[in-house]
Amino acid sequence: MEEELQKNKIEILLVEDNPDDAELTSLAFEKNCNIAKNTIHVTKDGAEALEYIFGFADENIDEDTPLKRRPKLILLDLTLPKINGLEVLKRIKSHPEAKNIPVVVLTGSKDWWDWTNALSLDVAYYMDKPLKFGQIVDVVKLVNLGGSVRGTKYGRNLLCAPFPLVDSSKKGDDKK
């Protein structure tokens, strides 16, 4: 019976160096989405995150490296000690198995380069911290974590872009 429960558990990897943000994010998922049955594993830096997924964190992670763990979802801060979040993301997305794990970037960074680099590495979502209820529900729907929400809209969504989005469909000079 316990072995069956272990099989059905969904692993979520939260990579966050701020203990308060890690606690708030974990509580938000548990309370707002009724997913307390899911395991949220917290790592406090990029090296720890790579060790959790691959078993080690050096540059030798390649396409032949077996996964030690395959979380259903990775919630990744960008500003991390040891190995930064963008480097963690690059290593995950360059691995043939790990690249299919949805990665949601959770960050307080307003840096345009962080945003564009993360999106170029095919993150599922890019969100500002602290998370808002609607964002958490969207993430749950994204990976079908069994939350109490209906409907799924899978795809890359920009839930909180760090700068105003420009409507490229408008042409011409608006200063007439």
N, C-alpha and C. Protein backbone atom coordinates (compact mmCIF):
# COMPACT_ATOMS: atom_id res chain seq x y z
N MET A 1 0.82 -1.20 0.00
CA MET A 1 0.00 0.00 0.00
C MET A 1 0.86 1.26 0.00
N GLU A 2 1.88 1.30 0.87
CA GLU A 2 2.74 2.48 0.94
C GLU A 2 3.54 2.64 -0.35
N GLU A 3 3.95 1.51 -0.96
CA GLU A 3 4.67 1.58 -2.22
C GLU A 3 3.80 2.20 -3.32
N GLU A 4 2.51 1.87 -3.32
CA GLU A 4 1.58 2.45 -4.29
C GLU A 4 1.42 3.95 -4.07
N LEU A 5 1.37 4.38 -2.81
CA LEU A 5 1.29 5.80 -2.51
C LEU A 5 2.54 6.54 -2.98
N GLN A 6 3.70 5.92 -2.82
CA GLN A 6 4.95 6.53 -3.27
C GLN A 6 4.94 6.71 -4.78
N LYS A 7 4.40 5.73 -5.53
CA LYS A 7 4.34 5.82 -6.98
C LYS A 7 3.49 7.00 -7.43
N ASN A 8 2.39 7.27 -6.73
CA ASN A 8 1.46 8.31 -7.10
C ASN A 8 1.87 9.70 -6.61
N LYS A 9 2.90 9.78 -5.79
CA LYS A 9 3.35 11.08 -5.31
C LYS A 9 3.98 11.86 -6.45
N ILE A 10 3.70 13.13 -6.47
CA ILE A 10 4.26 14.00 -7.49
C ILE A 10 5.36 14.82 -6.85
N GLU A 11 6.54 14.73 -7.41
CA GLU A 11 7.66 15.51 -6.90
C GLU A 11 7.69 16.89 -7.54
N ILE A 12 7.79 17.91 -6.72
CA ILE A 12 8.01 19.26 -7.17
C ILE A 12 9.34 19.71 -6.58
N LEU A 13 10.22 20.20 -7.43
CA LEU A 13 11.51 20.71 -6.96
C LEU A 13 11.42 22.23 -6.92
N LEU A 14 11.60 22.80 -5.75
CA LEU A 14 11.62 24.24 -5.56
C LEU A 14 13.06 24.64 -5.28
N VAL A 15 13.65 25.44 -6.18
CA VAL A 15 15.03 25.88 -6.04
C VAL A 15 15.00 27.35 -5.61
N GLU A 16 15.22 27.59 -4.33
CA GLU A 16 15.04 28.92 -3.75
C GLU A 16 16.00 29.10 -2.58
N ASP A 17 16.82 30.15 -2.62
CA ASP A 17 17.79 30.37 -1.56
C ASP A 17 17.23 31.16 -0.39
N ASN A 18 16.10 31.82 -0.57
CA ASN A 18 15.49 32.59 0.51
C ASN A 18 14.50 31.69 1.25
N PRO A 19 14.78 31.37 2.53
CA PRO A 19 13.91 30.45 3.26
C PRO A 19 12.47 30.96 3.39
N ASP A 20 12.29 32.27 3.51
CA ASP A 20 10.94 32.83 3.62
C ASP A 20 10.16 32.64 2.32
N ASP A 21 10.81 32.91 1.17
CA ASP A 21 10.16 32.70 -0.13
C ASP A 21 9.85 31.22 -0.35
N ALA A 22 10.77 30.35 0.05
CA ALA A 22 10.54 28.90 -0.10
C ALA A 22 9.33 28.47 0.72
N GLU A 23 9.25 28.95 1.94
CA GLU A 23 8.12 28.59 2.81
C GLU A 23 6.80 29.12 2.25
N LEU A 24 6.78 30.38 1.83
CA LEU A 24 5.56 30.97 1.28
C LEU A 24 5.11 30.26 0.01
N THR A 25 6.04 29.93 -0.86
CA THR A 25 5.70 29.23 -2.11
C THR A 25 5.15 27.84 -1.81
N SER A 26 5.80 27.12 -0.91
CA SER A 26 5.31 25.79 -0.53
C SER A 26 3.90 25.86 0.07
N LEU A 27 3.70 26.79 0.98
CA LEU A 27 2.38 26.95 1.60
C LEU A 27 1.32 27.34 0.58
N ALA A 28 1.69 28.20 -0.36
CA ALA A 28 0.73 28.63 -1.38
C ALA A 28 0.27 27.45 -2.22
N PHE A 29 1.18 26.57 -2.59
CA PHE A 29 0.79 25.39 -3.37
C PHE A 29 -0.08 24.46 -2.55
N GLU A 30 0.27 24.26 -1.30
CA GLU A 30 -0.49 23.35 -0.45
C GLU A 30 -1.89 23.88 -0.15
N LYS A 31 -1.99 25.15 0.22
CA LYS A 31 -3.29 25.71 0.64
C LYS A 31 -4.21 26.06 -0.53
N ASN A 32 -3.68 26.70 -1.56
CA ASN A 32 -4.53 27.20 -2.64
C ASN A 32 -4.90 26.16 -3.67
N CYS A 33 -4.14 25.11 -3.77
CA CYS A 33 -4.40 24.15 -4.85
C CYS A 33 -4.68 22.75 -4.36
N ASN A 34 -4.81 22.58 -3.07
CA ASN A 34 -5.18 21.28 -2.53
C ASN A 34 -4.24 20.18 -3.02
N ILE A 35 -2.95 20.44 -2.98
CA ILE A 35 -1.99 19.44 -3.44
C ILE A 35 -1.03 19.04 -2.32
N ALA A 36 -1.51 19.03 -1.10
CA ALA A 36 -0.67 18.69 0.04
C ALA A 36 -0.08 17.29 -0.09
N LYS A 37 -0.75 16.41 -0.86
CA LYS A 37 -0.24 15.06 -1.04
C LYS A 37 1.06 15.03 -1.84
N ASN A 38 1.33 16.11 -2.54
CA ASN A 38 2.52 16.17 -3.38
C ASN A 38 3.75 16.55 -2.57
N THR A 39 4.85 16.05 -2.99
CA THR A 39 6.11 16.34 -2.32
C THR A 39 6.74 17.58 -2.93
N ILE A 40 7.05 18.55 -2.10
CA ILE A 40 7.79 19.73 -2.55
C ILE A 40 9.15 19.66 -1.89
N HIS A 41 10.16 19.40 -2.70
CA HIS A 41 11.52 19.30 -2.20
C HIS A 41 12.22 20.63 -2.45
N VAL A 42 12.82 21.22 -1.42
CA VAL A 42 13.46 22.52 -1.54
C VAL A 42 14.97 22.36 -1.54
N THR A 43 15.61 22.98 -2.54
CA THR A 43 17.07 23.09 -2.54
C THR A 43 17.42 24.57 -2.48
N LYS A 44 18.55 24.89 -1.87
CA LYS A 44 18.86 26.31 -1.59
C LYS A 44 19.87 26.94 -2.54
N ASP A 45 20.38 26.17 -3.50
CA ASP A 45 21.29 26.75 -4.49
C ASP A 45 21.28 25.90 -5.75
N GLY A 46 21.92 26.43 -6.80
CA GLY A 46 21.91 25.75 -8.09
C GLY A 46 22.63 24.42 -8.08
N ALA A 47 23.72 24.33 -7.33
CA ALA A 47 24.47 23.07 -7.26
C ALA A 47 23.62 21.98 -6.62
N GLU A 48 22.93 22.32 -5.53
CA GLU A 48 22.06 21.36 -4.86
C GLU A 48 20.94 20.87 -5.79
N ALA A 49 20.40 21.78 -6.59
CA ALA A 49 19.33 21.42 -7.52
C ALA A 49 19.83 20.41 -8.56
N LEU A 50 21.00 20.68 -9.13
CA LEU A 50 21.56 19.76 -10.12
C LEU A 50 21.91 18.41 -9.49
N GLU A 51 22.41 18.43 -8.27
CA GLU A 51 22.69 17.18 -7.55
C GLU A 51 21.41 16.40 -7.32
N TYR A 52 20.32 17.08 -7.02
CA TYR A 52 19.03 16.42 -6.80
C TYR A 52 18.56 15.72 -8.08
N ILE A 53 18.72 16.39 -9.23
CA ILE A 53 18.23 15.84 -10.49
C ILE A 53 19.20 14.81 -11.09
N PHE A 54 20.49 15.14 -11.11
CA PHE A 54 21.47 14.31 -11.82
C PHE A 54 22.39 13.50 -10.91
N GLY A 55 22.46 13.84 -9.63
CA GLY A 55 23.36 13.14 -8.72
C GLY A 55 24.69 13.86 -8.54
N PHE A 56 24.99 14.84 -9.37
CA PHE A 56 26.19 15.67 -9.24
C PHE A 56 25.94 16.98 -9.97
N ALA A 57 26.85 17.95 -9.78
CA ALA A 57 26.58 19.30 -10.29
C ALA A 57 27.71 19.88 -11.13
N ASP A 58 28.64 19.06 -11.62
CA ASP A 58 29.73 19.66 -12.39
C ASP A 58 29.39 19.78 -13.88
N GLU A 59 30.35 20.22 -14.65
CA GLU A 59 30.13 20.46 -16.08
C GLU A 59 30.00 19.18 -16.89
N ASN A 60 30.21 18.03 -16.27
CA ASN A 60 30.18 16.76 -16.99
C ASN A 60 28.78 16.20 -17.21
N ILE A 61 27.75 16.97 -16.89
CA ILE A 61 26.39 16.53 -17.18
C ILE A 61 26.22 16.59 -18.69
N ASP A 62 25.94 15.44 -19.30
CA ASP A 62 25.74 15.41 -20.74
C ASP A 62 24.53 14.54 -21.07
N GLU A 63 24.32 14.29 -22.34
CA GLU A 63 23.12 13.56 -22.78
C GLU A 63 23.08 12.12 -22.27
N ASP A 64 24.23 11.56 -21.89
CA ASP A 64 24.28 10.19 -21.39
C ASP A 64 24.12 10.10 -19.87
N THR A 65 24.09 11.23 -19.21
CA THR A 65 23.95 11.24 -17.75
C THR A 65 22.53 10.78 -17.38
N PRO A 66 22.43 9.71 -16.59
CA PRO A 66 21.08 9.28 -16.18
C PRO A 66 20.49 10.24 -15.14
N LEU A 67 19.18 10.36 -15.16
CA LEU A 67 18.52 11.18 -14.15
C LEU A 67 18.47 10.42 -12.84
N LYS A 68 18.81 11.08 -11.76
CA LYS A 68 18.68 10.49 -10.42
C LYS A 68 17.22 10.61 -9.98
N ARG A 69 16.62 11.77 -10.28
CA ARG A 69 15.20 12.03 -9.97
C ARG A 69 14.61 12.81 -11.13
N ARG A 70 13.30 12.61 -11.35
CA ARG A 70 12.61 13.34 -12.42
C ARG A 70 11.38 14.01 -11.83
N PRO A 71 11.56 15.22 -11.27
CA PRO A 71 10.38 15.90 -10.70
C PRO A 71 9.36 16.22 -11.79
N LYS A 72 8.12 16.31 -11.39
CA LYS A 72 7.04 16.65 -12.32
C LYS A 72 7.11 18.13 -12.69
N LEU A 73 7.67 18.95 -11.81
CA LEU A 73 7.74 20.39 -12.00
C LEU A 73 8.98 20.92 -11.28
N ILE A 74 9.64 21.91 -11.89
CA ILE A 74 10.75 22.60 -11.24
C ILE A 74 10.38 24.08 -11.13
N LEU A 75 10.39 24.60 -9.91
CA LEU A 75 10.18 26.02 -9.65
C LEU A 75 11.56 26.59 -9.36
N LEU A 76 12.05 27.48 -10.22
CA LEU A 76 13.45 27.88 -10.20
C LEU A 76 13.62 29.38 -10.04
N ASP A 77 14.31 29.77 -8.97
CA ASP A 77 14.73 31.16 -8.81
C ASP A 77 15.95 31.36 -9.71
N LEU A 78 16.15 32.56 -10.21
CA LEU A 78 17.31 32.83 -11.07
C LEU A 78 18.53 33.28 -10.29
N THR A 79 18.31 34.02 -9.22
CA THR A 79 19.42 34.57 -8.44
C THR A 79 19.76 33.59 -7.32
N LEU A 80 20.70 32.70 -7.61
CA LEU A 80 21.06 31.64 -6.68
C LEU A 80 22.55 31.64 -6.40
N PRO A 81 22.96 31.18 -5.21
CA PRO A 81 24.39 31.01 -4.95
C PRO A 81 24.94 29.76 -5.66
N LYS A 82 26.24 29.70 -5.74
CA LYS A 82 27.02 28.60 -6.33
C LYS A 82 26.84 28.52 -7.84
N ILE A 83 25.68 28.08 -8.32
CA ILE A 83 25.39 28.03 -9.75
C ILE A 83 24.10 28.80 -9.95
N ASN A 84 24.12 29.83 -10.80
CA ASN A 84 22.92 30.66 -10.95
C ASN A 84 21.81 29.92 -11.69
N GLY A 85 20.61 30.44 -11.56
CA GLY A 85 19.42 29.78 -12.11
C GLY A 85 19.46 29.60 -13.62
N LEU A 86 20.01 30.57 -14.35
CA LEU A 86 20.09 30.42 -15.81
C LEU A 86 21.02 29.28 -16.20
N GLU A 87 22.11 29.11 -15.47
CA GLU A 87 23.02 27.99 -15.75
C GLU A 87 22.35 26.65 -15.42
N VAL A 88 21.61 26.60 -14.33
CA VAL A 88 20.85 25.39 -13.98
C VAL A 88 19.87 25.09 -15.11
N LEU A 89 19.17 26.10 -15.56
CA LEU A 89 18.19 25.95 -16.63
C LEU A 89 18.85 25.44 -17.92
N LYS A 90 20.01 25.98 -18.27
CA LYS A 90 20.74 25.53 -19.46
C LYS A 90 21.07 24.04 -19.38
N ARG A 91 21.55 23.63 -18.22
CA ARG A 91 21.93 22.21 -18.05
C ARG A 91 20.71 21.29 -18.12
N ILE A 92 19.61 21.72 -17.53
CA ILE A 92 18.38 20.92 -17.59
C ILE A 92 17.89 20.82 -19.02
N LYS A 93 17.82 21.94 -19.70
CA LYS A 93 17.25 21.98 -21.05
C LYS A 93 18.17 21.37 -22.11
N SER A 94 19.45 21.14 -21.79
CA SER A 94 20.35 20.49 -22.75
C SER A 94 20.36 18.97 -22.59
N HIS A 95 19.66 18.45 -21.61
CA HIS A 95 19.62 17.01 -21.36
C HIS A 95 18.38 16.42 -22.04
N PRO A 96 18.51 15.32 -22.78
CA PRO A 96 17.38 14.80 -23.55
C PRO A 96 16.16 14.39 -22.72
N GLU A 97 16.35 13.93 -21.50
CA GLU A 97 15.20 13.56 -20.66
C GLU A 97 14.73 14.74 -19.80
N ALA A 98 15.67 15.43 -19.19
CA ALA A 98 15.32 16.51 -18.26
C ALA A 98 14.67 17.69 -18.97
N LYS A 99 14.97 17.88 -20.26
CA LYS A 99 14.43 19.05 -20.97
C LYS A 99 12.91 19.06 -21.05
N ASN A 100 12.29 17.91 -20.84
CA ASN A 100 10.83 17.83 -20.90
C ASN A 100 10.14 18.13 -19.57
N ILE A 101 10.92 18.34 -18.53
CA ILE A 101 10.35 18.71 -17.24
C ILE A 101 9.97 20.19 -17.31
N PRO A 102 8.71 20.53 -17.02
CA PRO A 102 8.34 21.96 -17.04
C PRO A 102 9.11 22.73 -15.97
N VAL A 103 9.68 23.85 -16.38
CA VAL A 103 10.40 24.72 -15.45
C VAL A 103 9.68 26.06 -15.40
N VAL A 104 9.35 26.46 -14.19
CA VAL A 104 8.72 27.75 -13.95
C VAL A 104 9.73 28.62 -13.23
N VAL A 105 10.05 29.75 -13.85
CA VAL A 105 10.99 30.68 -13.23
C VAL A 105 10.22 31.59 -12.28
N LEU A 106 10.65 31.60 -11.03
CA LEU A 106 10.08 32.46 -9.99
C LEU A 106 11.20 33.41 -9.58
N THR A 107 11.03 34.68 -9.85
CA THR A 107 12.14 35.58 -9.55
C THR A 107 11.68 36.97 -9.19
N GLY A 108 12.51 37.64 -8.46
CA GLY A 108 12.28 39.05 -8.17
C GLY A 108 13.09 39.93 -9.13
N SER A 109 13.85 39.30 -10.02
CA SER A 109 14.68 40.05 -10.97
C SER A 109 13.82 40.78 -11.99
N LYS A 110 14.16 42.04 -12.21
CA LYS A 110 13.48 42.83 -13.24
C LYS A 110 14.40 43.00 -14.45
N ASP A 111 15.47 42.22 -14.50
CA ASP A 111 16.46 42.33 -15.56
C ASP A 111 15.91 41.74 -16.86
N TRP A 112 15.87 42.57 -17.90
CA TRP A 112 15.36 42.16 -19.19
C TRP A 112 16.14 40.97 -19.75
N TRP A 113 17.46 40.94 -19.53
CA TRP A 113 18.28 39.84 -20.03
C TRP A 113 17.92 38.53 -19.35
N ASP A 114 17.65 38.54 -18.06
CA ASP A 114 17.21 37.32 -17.37
C ASP A 114 15.95 36.78 -18.02
N TRP A 115 15.01 37.69 -18.25
CA TRP A 115 13.71 37.32 -18.83
C TRP A 115 13.88 36.72 -20.21
N THR A 116 14.61 37.40 -21.09
CA THR A 116 14.77 36.88 -22.47
C THR A 116 15.59 35.61 -22.51
N ASN A 117 16.63 35.52 -21.68
CA ASN A 117 17.42 34.29 -21.64
C ASN A 117 16.60 33.11 -21.14
N ALA A 118 15.80 33.33 -20.11
CA ALA A 118 14.95 32.24 -19.60
C ALA A 118 13.96 31.80 -20.67
N LEU A 119 13.34 32.74 -21.34
CA LEU A 119 12.37 32.38 -22.38
C LEU A 119 13.04 31.67 -23.55
N SER A 120 14.26 32.07 -23.89
CA SER A 120 14.96 31.40 -24.99
C SER A 120 15.30 29.96 -24.64
N LEU A 121 15.35 29.65 -23.36
CA LEU A 121 15.61 28.28 -22.90
C LEU A 121 14.32 27.50 -22.67
N ASP A 122 13.22 28.04 -23.16
CA ASP A 122 11.93 27.33 -23.19
C ASP A 122 11.35 27.05 -21.80
N VAL A 123 11.35 28.07 -20.94
CA VAL A 123 10.66 27.90 -19.66
C VAL A 123 9.15 27.87 -19.92
N ALA A 124 8.44 27.20 -19.05
CA ALA A 124 6.99 27.12 -19.20
C ALA A 124 6.33 28.44 -18.79
N TYR A 125 6.77 28.99 -17.66
CA TYR A 125 6.24 30.26 -17.16
C TYR A 125 7.39 31.08 -16.61
N TYR A 126 7.20 32.37 -16.58
CA TYR A 126 8.14 33.31 -15.95
C TYR A 126 7.30 34.19 -15.05
N MET A 127 7.53 34.13 -13.74
CA MET A 127 6.67 34.85 -12.80
C MET A 127 7.48 35.63 -11.78
N ASP A 128 6.94 36.79 -11.43
CA ASP A 128 7.52 37.59 -10.36
C ASP A 128 7.11 37.02 -9.01
N LYS A 129 8.04 37.12 -8.04
CA LYS A 129 7.70 36.76 -6.66
C LYS A 129 7.21 38.01 -5.95
N PRO A 130 6.38 37.89 -4.96
CA PRO A 130 5.74 36.67 -4.49
C PRO A 130 4.62 36.25 -5.44
N LEU A 131 4.34 34.96 -5.42
CA LEU A 131 3.30 34.41 -6.29
C LEU A 131 1.92 34.88 -5.88
N LYS A 132 1.08 35.03 -6.87
CA LYS A 132 -0.33 35.36 -6.64
C LYS A 132 -1.17 34.11 -6.86
N PHE A 133 -2.33 34.03 -6.24
CA PHE A 133 -3.16 32.84 -6.31
C PHE A 133 -3.40 32.39 -7.75
N GLY A 134 -3.79 33.29 -8.63
CA GLY A 134 -4.09 32.93 -10.02
C GLY A 134 -2.90 32.32 -10.73
N GLN A 135 -1.70 32.79 -10.41
CA GLN A 135 -0.50 32.24 -11.02
C GLN A 135 -0.28 30.80 -10.56
N ILE A 136 -0.50 30.55 -9.29
CA ILE A 136 -0.31 29.21 -8.75
C ILE A 136 -1.29 28.24 -9.41
N VAL A 137 -2.53 28.65 -9.56
CA VAL A 137 -3.54 27.82 -10.21
C VAL A 137 -3.11 27.51 -11.65
N ASP A 138 -2.60 28.52 -12.37
CA ASP A 138 -2.14 28.29 -13.74
C ASP A 138 -1.00 27.28 -13.79
N VAL A 139 -0.09 27.35 -12.84
CA VAL A 139 1.02 26.40 -12.81
C VAL A 139 0.50 25.00 -12.54
N VAL A 140 -0.43 24.87 -11.62
CA VAL A 140 -1.02 23.56 -11.32
C VAL A 140 -1.69 22.99 -12.57
N LYS A 141 -2.43 23.83 -13.29
CA LYS A 141 -3.07 23.37 -14.52
C LYS A 141 -2.03 22.98 -15.56
N LEU A 142 -0.96 23.73 -15.63
CA LEU A 142 0.09 23.47 -16.61
C LEU A 142 0.60 22.04 -16.51
N VAL A 143 0.85 21.59 -15.31
CA VAL A 143 1.45 20.26 -15.14
C VAL A 143 0.45 19.23 -14.63
N ASN A 144 -0.82 19.61 -14.58
CA ASN A 144 -1.87 18.69 -14.17
C ASN A 144 -1.53 18.00 -12.85
N LEU A 145 -1.33 18.82 -11.83
CA LEU A 145 -0.95 18.29 -10.52
C LEU A 145 -2.12 17.78 -9.70
N GLY A 146 -3.28 17.78 -10.25
CA GLY A 146 -4.41 17.28 -9.51
C GLY A 146 -5.07 18.32 -8.63
N GLY A 147 -4.82 19.57 -8.92
CA GLY A 147 -5.49 20.64 -8.18
C GLY A 147 -6.97 20.66 -8.51
N SER A 148 -7.72 21.44 -7.77
CA SER A 148 -9.17 21.46 -7.94
C SER A 148 -9.59 22.54 -8.95
N VAL A 149 -8.94 22.58 -10.09
CA VAL A 149 -9.28 23.54 -11.14
C VAL A 149 -9.64 22.79 -12.41
N ARG A 150 -10.47 23.42 -13.25
CA ARG A 150 -10.87 22.77 -14.49
C ARG A 150 -10.22 23.45 -15.68
N GLY A 151 -9.99 22.66 -16.72
CA GLY A 151 -9.46 23.20 -17.96
C GLY A 151 -7.95 23.35 -17.92
N THR A 152 -7.32 23.16 -19.03
CA THR A 152 -5.87 23.30 -19.10
C THR A 152 -5.51 24.12 -20.32
N LYS A 153 -4.64 25.04 -20.12
CA LYS A 153 -4.12 25.85 -21.22
C LYS A 153 -2.61 25.69 -21.20
N TYR A 154 -2.12 24.64 -21.84
CA TYR A 154 -0.69 24.38 -21.81
C TYR A 154 0.01 25.26 -22.83
N GLY A 155 1.15 25.69 -22.48
CA GLY A 155 1.94 26.51 -23.38
C GLY A 155 2.72 27.52 -22.57
N ARG A 156 3.60 28.21 -23.22
CA ARG A 156 4.40 29.21 -22.51
C ARG A 156 3.54 30.44 -22.28
N ASN A 157 3.42 30.84 -21.06
CA ASN A 157 2.65 32.02 -20.69
C ASN A 157 3.52 32.99 -19.93
N LEU A 158 3.35 34.24 -20.21
CA LEU A 158 4.09 35.28 -19.51
C LEU A 158 3.16 35.87 -18.47
N LEU A 159 3.21 35.33 -17.29
CA LEU A 159 2.24 35.72 -16.28
C LEU A 159 2.56 37.07 -15.67
N CYS A 160 3.79 37.39 -15.53
CA CYS A 160 4.19 38.69 -14.99
C CYS A 160 5.50 39.08 -15.65
N ALA A 161 5.42 39.64 -16.83
CA ALA A 161 6.64 40.10 -17.50
C ALA A 161 7.23 41.23 -16.69
N PRO A 162 8.55 41.29 -16.59
CA PRO A 162 9.18 42.31 -15.75
C PRO A 162 9.17 43.71 -16.36
N PHE A 163 8.60 43.85 -17.53
CA PHE A 163 8.47 45.15 -18.17
C PHE A 163 7.22 45.11 -19.03
N PRO A 164 6.65 46.25 -19.37
CA PRO A 164 5.42 46.24 -20.17
C PRO A 164 5.66 45.60 -21.53
N LEU A 165 4.72 44.74 -21.94
CA LEU A 165 4.82 44.12 -23.25
C LEU A 165 4.40 45.13 -24.31
N VAL A 166 5.09 45.10 -25.44
CA VAL A 166 4.81 46.02 -26.53
C VAL A 166 3.94 45.31 -27.55
N ASP A 167 2.88 45.96 -27.98
CA ASP A 167 2.00 45.38 -28.99
C ASP A 167 2.62 45.63 -30.35
N SER A 168 3.20 44.59 -30.93
CA SER A 168 3.89 44.74 -32.20
C SER A 168 2.93 44.81 -33.38
N SER A 169 1.64 44.61 -33.13
CA SER A 169 0.68 44.67 -34.23
C SER A 169 0.35 46.10 -34.63
N LYS A 170 0.66 47.07 -33.76
CA LYS A 170 0.42 48.48 -34.08
C LYS A 170 1.52 48.98 -34.99
N LYS A 171 1.12 49.60 -36.07
CA LYS A 171 2.11 50.11 -37.02
C LYS A 171 1.90 51.60 -37.18
N GLY A 172 2.96 52.26 -37.54
CA GLY A 172 2.86 53.69 -37.80
C GLY A 172 3.17 54.51 -36.58
N ASP A 173 3.07 55.79 -36.74
CA ASP A 173 3.40 56.73 -35.69
C ASP A 173 2.14 57.10 -34.91
N ASP A 174 2.16 56.91 -33.61
CA ASP A 174 1.00 57.22 -32.76
C ASP A 174 0.98 58.68 -32.32
N LYS A 175 1.92 59.51 -32.74
CA LYS A 175 2.04 60.88 -32.26
C LYS A 175 1.34 61.89 -33.17
N LYS A 176 0.36 61.49 -33.93
CA LYS A 176 -0.31 62.40 -34.86
C LYS A 176 -1.07 63.47 -34.20
